[in-house]
Amino acid sequence: MTLVASLYLTVGVVGYLKYGSSICGSITLNLLNTDPLAQTVKILYSCTILCRLASAVLRSHAATNSMASPPVVEVG
């Protein structure tokens, strides 16, 4: 948790130092649209969001299926 908080704080401070008070809500909004590296970062960020969404949908689907099916009792 400390590592994540430190990284979050570092990115926030570096972003503020780079863009000053004109910083947007997300640091990716401050990147130039003509820069290929910035476009790559935005595309990879979008892919990450889509993969997390798909993962959440699959997990919720599995959870609802396990609740809906009755337990199997073996007689033997």
N, C-alpha and C. Protein backbone atom coordinates (compact mmCIF):
# COMPACT_ATOMS: atom_id res chain seq x y z
N MET A 1 0.82 -1.19 0.00
CA MET A 1 0.00 0.00 0.00
C MET A 1 0.87 1.25 0.00
N THR A 2 1.95 1.20 0.75
CA THR A 2 2.86 2.35 0.80
C THR A 2 3.51 2.59 -0.55
N LEU A 3 3.85 1.52 -1.24
CA LEU A 3 4.46 1.65 -2.56
C LEU A 3 3.49 2.29 -3.54
N VAL A 4 2.26 1.87 -3.54
CA VAL A 4 1.25 2.42 -4.44
C VAL A 4 1.01 3.90 -4.13
N ALA A 5 0.91 4.23 -2.86
CA ALA A 5 0.70 5.63 -2.46
C ALA A 5 1.89 6.49 -2.86
N SER A 6 3.09 5.95 -2.71
CA SER A 6 4.29 6.70 -3.10
C SER A 6 4.33 6.95 -4.61
N LEU A 7 3.99 5.91 -5.38
CA LEU A 7 3.96 6.08 -6.84
C LEU A 7 2.89 7.08 -7.26
N TYR A 8 1.73 7.02 -6.63
CA TYR A 8 0.64 7.94 -6.94
C TYR A 8 1.05 9.37 -6.64
N LEU A 9 1.68 9.58 -5.49
CA LEU A 9 2.13 10.91 -5.10
C LEU A 9 3.22 11.41 -6.04
N THR A 10 4.15 10.54 -6.42
CA THR A 10 5.23 10.92 -7.32
C THR A 10 4.69 11.34 -8.68
N VAL A 11 3.77 10.56 -9.24
CA VAL A 11 3.19 10.91 -10.54
C VAL A 11 2.42 12.23 -10.44
N GLY A 12 1.71 12.43 -9.36
CA GLY A 12 0.97 13.68 -9.18
C GLY A 12 1.88 14.88 -9.08
N VAL A 13 2.94 14.78 -8.32
CA VAL A 13 3.87 15.90 -8.16
C VAL A 13 4.60 16.19 -9.47
N VAL A 14 5.06 15.15 -10.14
CA VAL A 14 5.76 15.34 -11.42
C VAL A 14 4.82 15.95 -12.46
N GLY A 15 3.58 15.50 -12.48
CA GLY A 15 2.60 16.07 -13.41
C GLY A 15 2.33 17.53 -13.13
N TYR A 16 2.24 17.89 -11.85
CA TYR A 16 2.01 19.29 -11.50
C TYR A 16 3.22 20.14 -11.84
N LEU A 17 4.42 19.61 -11.59
CA LEU A 17 5.63 20.36 -11.92
C LEU A 17 5.76 20.56 -13.43
N LYS A 18 5.33 19.58 -14.20
CA LYS A 18 5.43 19.66 -15.66
C LYS A 18 4.42 20.64 -16.24
N TYR A 19 3.15 20.57 -15.79
CA TYR A 19 2.09 21.34 -16.41
C TYR A 19 1.61 22.52 -15.58
N GLY A 20 2.00 22.62 -14.34
CA GLY A 20 1.63 23.76 -13.51
C GLY A 20 0.15 23.76 -13.15
N SER A 21 -0.38 24.95 -12.95
CA SER A 21 -1.77 25.06 -12.51
C SER A 21 -2.77 24.82 -13.65
N SER A 22 -2.28 24.70 -14.88
CA SER A 22 -3.18 24.44 -16.01
C SER A 22 -3.40 22.95 -16.24
N ILE A 23 -3.07 22.15 -15.24
CA ILE A 23 -3.20 20.69 -15.36
C ILE A 23 -4.67 20.29 -15.45
N CYS A 24 -4.96 19.32 -16.29
CA CYS A 24 -6.32 18.80 -16.45
C CYS A 24 -6.59 17.74 -15.38
N GLY A 25 -7.81 17.23 -15.37
CA GLY A 25 -8.20 16.23 -14.37
C GLY A 25 -7.40 14.95 -14.45
N SER A 26 -7.01 14.55 -15.64
CA SER A 26 -6.19 13.36 -15.83
C SER A 26 -4.91 13.78 -16.54
N ILE A 27 -3.80 13.21 -16.12
CA ILE A 27 -2.52 13.61 -16.71
C ILE A 27 -2.44 13.25 -18.19
N THR A 28 -3.20 12.24 -18.63
CA THR A 28 -3.18 11.87 -20.04
C THR A 28 -3.84 12.93 -20.92
N LEU A 29 -4.71 13.76 -20.35
CA LEU A 29 -5.33 14.83 -21.13
C LEU A 29 -4.34 15.94 -21.46
N ASN A 30 -3.24 16.02 -20.74
CA ASN A 30 -2.23 17.04 -20.99
C ASN A 30 -1.22 16.62 -22.05
N LEU A 31 -1.23 15.38 -22.45
CA LEU A 31 -0.28 14.90 -23.45
C LEU A 31 -0.67 15.42 -24.83
N LEU A 32 0.33 15.67 -25.66
CA LEU A 32 0.08 16.17 -27.01
C LEU A 32 -0.55 15.08 -27.87
N ASN A 33 -1.51 15.47 -28.69
CA ASN A 33 -2.16 14.50 -29.58
C ASN A 33 -1.28 14.12 -30.76
N THR A 34 -0.27 14.92 -31.05
CA THR A 34 0.60 14.64 -32.19
C THR A 34 1.79 13.76 -31.82
N ASP A 35 2.05 13.58 -30.56
CA ASP A 35 3.18 12.78 -30.10
C ASP A 35 2.83 11.29 -30.16
N PRO A 36 3.59 10.49 -30.92
CA PRO A 36 3.28 9.06 -31.03
C PRO A 36 3.35 8.32 -29.68
N LEU A 37 4.28 8.70 -28.83
CA LEU A 37 4.37 8.06 -27.51
C LEU A 37 3.13 8.36 -26.67
N ALA A 38 2.65 9.59 -26.75
CA ALA A 38 1.45 9.96 -26.00
C ALA A 38 0.23 9.20 -26.52
N GLN A 39 0.14 9.03 -27.82
CA GLN A 39 -0.97 8.27 -28.40
C GLN A 39 -0.90 6.81 -27.96
N THR A 40 0.31 6.25 -27.90
CA THR A 40 0.49 4.88 -27.45
C THR A 40 0.06 4.72 -26.00
N VAL A 41 0.42 5.68 -25.16
CA VAL A 41 0.03 5.64 -23.75
C VAL A 41 -1.49 5.67 -23.62
N LYS A 42 -2.15 6.53 -24.39
CA LYS A 42 -3.61 6.63 -24.33
C LYS A 42 -4.27 5.33 -24.80
N ILE A 43 -3.74 4.73 -25.85
CA ILE A 43 -4.30 3.47 -26.36
C ILE A 43 -4.13 2.35 -25.33
N LEU A 44 -2.94 2.25 -24.75
CA LEU A 44 -2.70 1.21 -23.75
C LEU A 44 -3.55 1.42 -22.50
N TYR A 45 -3.76 2.67 -22.12
CA TYR A 45 -4.61 2.98 -20.98
C TYR A 45 -6.05 2.54 -21.27
N SER A 46 -6.51 2.80 -22.49
CA SER A 46 -7.86 2.37 -22.88
C SER A 46 -7.98 0.85 -22.87
N CYS A 47 -6.96 0.16 -23.36
CA CYS A 47 -6.98 -1.31 -23.35
C CYS A 47 -7.02 -1.85 -21.93
N THR A 48 -6.32 -1.20 -21.02
CA THR A 48 -6.34 -1.62 -19.62
C THR A 48 -7.74 -1.50 -19.04
N ILE A 49 -8.41 -0.40 -19.33
CA ILE A 49 -9.77 -0.19 -18.83
C ILE A 49 -10.71 -1.25 -19.39
N LEU A 50 -10.60 -1.54 -20.68
CA LEU A 50 -11.47 -2.55 -21.30
C LEU A 50 -11.21 -3.94 -20.73
N CYS A 51 -9.95 -4.28 -20.49
CA CYS A 51 -9.64 -5.59 -19.92
C CYS A 51 -10.17 -5.72 -18.50
N ARG A 52 -10.08 -4.66 -17.73
CA ARG A 52 -10.62 -4.70 -16.36
C ARG A 52 -12.13 -4.82 -16.37
N LEU A 53 -12.78 -4.16 -17.32
CA LEU A 53 -14.23 -4.26 -17.43
C LEU A 53 -14.63 -5.69 -17.79
N ALA A 54 -13.93 -6.28 -18.75
CA ALA A 54 -14.23 -7.65 -19.15
C ALA A 54 -14.00 -8.61 -17.98
N SER A 55 -12.96 -8.39 -17.23
CA SER A 55 -12.67 -9.24 -16.07
C SER A 55 -13.78 -9.12 -15.02
N ALA A 56 -14.26 -7.92 -14.78
CA ALA A 56 -15.33 -7.73 -13.80
C ALA A 56 -16.62 -8.40 -14.26
N VAL A 57 -16.93 -8.30 -15.55
CA VAL A 57 -18.14 -8.93 -16.07
C VAL A 57 -18.05 -10.44 -15.96
N LEU A 58 -16.90 -11.01 -16.30
CA LEU A 58 -16.74 -12.47 -16.21
C LEU A 58 -16.83 -12.96 -14.77
N ARG A 59 -16.24 -12.21 -13.84
CA ARG A 59 -16.32 -12.61 -12.43
C ARG A 59 -17.74 -12.53 -11.91
N SER A 60 -18.47 -11.48 -12.28
CA SER A 60 -19.85 -11.37 -11.80
C SER A 60 -20.73 -12.44 -12.44
N HIS A 61 -20.46 -12.78 -13.69
CA HIS A 61 -21.21 -13.84 -14.36
C HIS A 61 -20.99 -15.18 -13.67
N ALA A 62 -19.75 -15.47 -13.33
CA ALA A 62 -19.45 -16.73 -12.63
C ALA A 62 -20.09 -16.76 -11.25
N ALA A 63 -20.12 -15.63 -10.58
CA ALA A 63 -20.71 -15.59 -9.24
C ALA A 63 -22.22 -15.79 -9.30
N THR A 64 -22.88 -15.18 -10.27
CA THR A 64 -24.34 -15.34 -10.37
C THR A 64 -24.70 -16.74 -10.83
N ASN A 65 -23.89 -17.35 -11.67
CA ASN A 65 -24.17 -18.73 -12.09
C ASN A 65 -24.02 -19.70 -10.93
N SER A 66 -23.05 -19.48 -10.08
CA SER A 66 -22.87 -20.40 -8.95
C SER A 66 -23.99 -20.24 -7.93
N MET A 67 -24.59 -19.06 -7.83
CA MET A 67 -25.71 -18.87 -6.91
C MET A 67 -27.00 -19.43 -7.48
N ALA A 68 -27.14 -19.41 -8.80
CA ALA A 68 -28.39 -19.82 -9.43
C ALA A 68 -28.53 -21.34 -9.51
N SER A 69 -27.44 -22.04 -9.65
CA SER A 69 -27.55 -23.50 -9.80
C SER A 69 -27.63 -24.16 -8.42
N PRO A 70 -28.49 -25.16 -8.29
CA PRO A 70 -28.61 -25.84 -7.00
C PRO A 70 -27.39 -26.70 -6.72
N PRO A 71 -27.07 -26.90 -5.46
CA PRO A 71 -25.92 -27.74 -5.15
C PRO A 71 -26.18 -29.19 -5.55
N VAL A 72 -25.14 -29.85 -5.97
CA VAL A 72 -25.24 -31.25 -6.39
C VAL A 72 -24.93 -32.14 -5.19
N VAL A 73 -25.85 -33.03 -4.91
CA VAL A 73 -25.66 -33.97 -3.80
C VAL A 73 -25.49 -35.36 -4.37
N GLU A 74 -24.39 -35.99 -4.06
CA GLU A 74 -24.15 -37.34 -4.55
C GLU A 74 -24.63 -38.35 -3.51
N VAL A 75 -25.42 -39.29 -3.97
CA VAL A 75 -25.90 -40.36 -3.10
C VAL A 75 -25.11 -41.60 -3.43
N GLY A 76 -24.51 -42.14 -2.49
CA GLY A 76 -23.72 -43.28 -2.88
C GLY A 76 -23.32 -44.10 -1.78
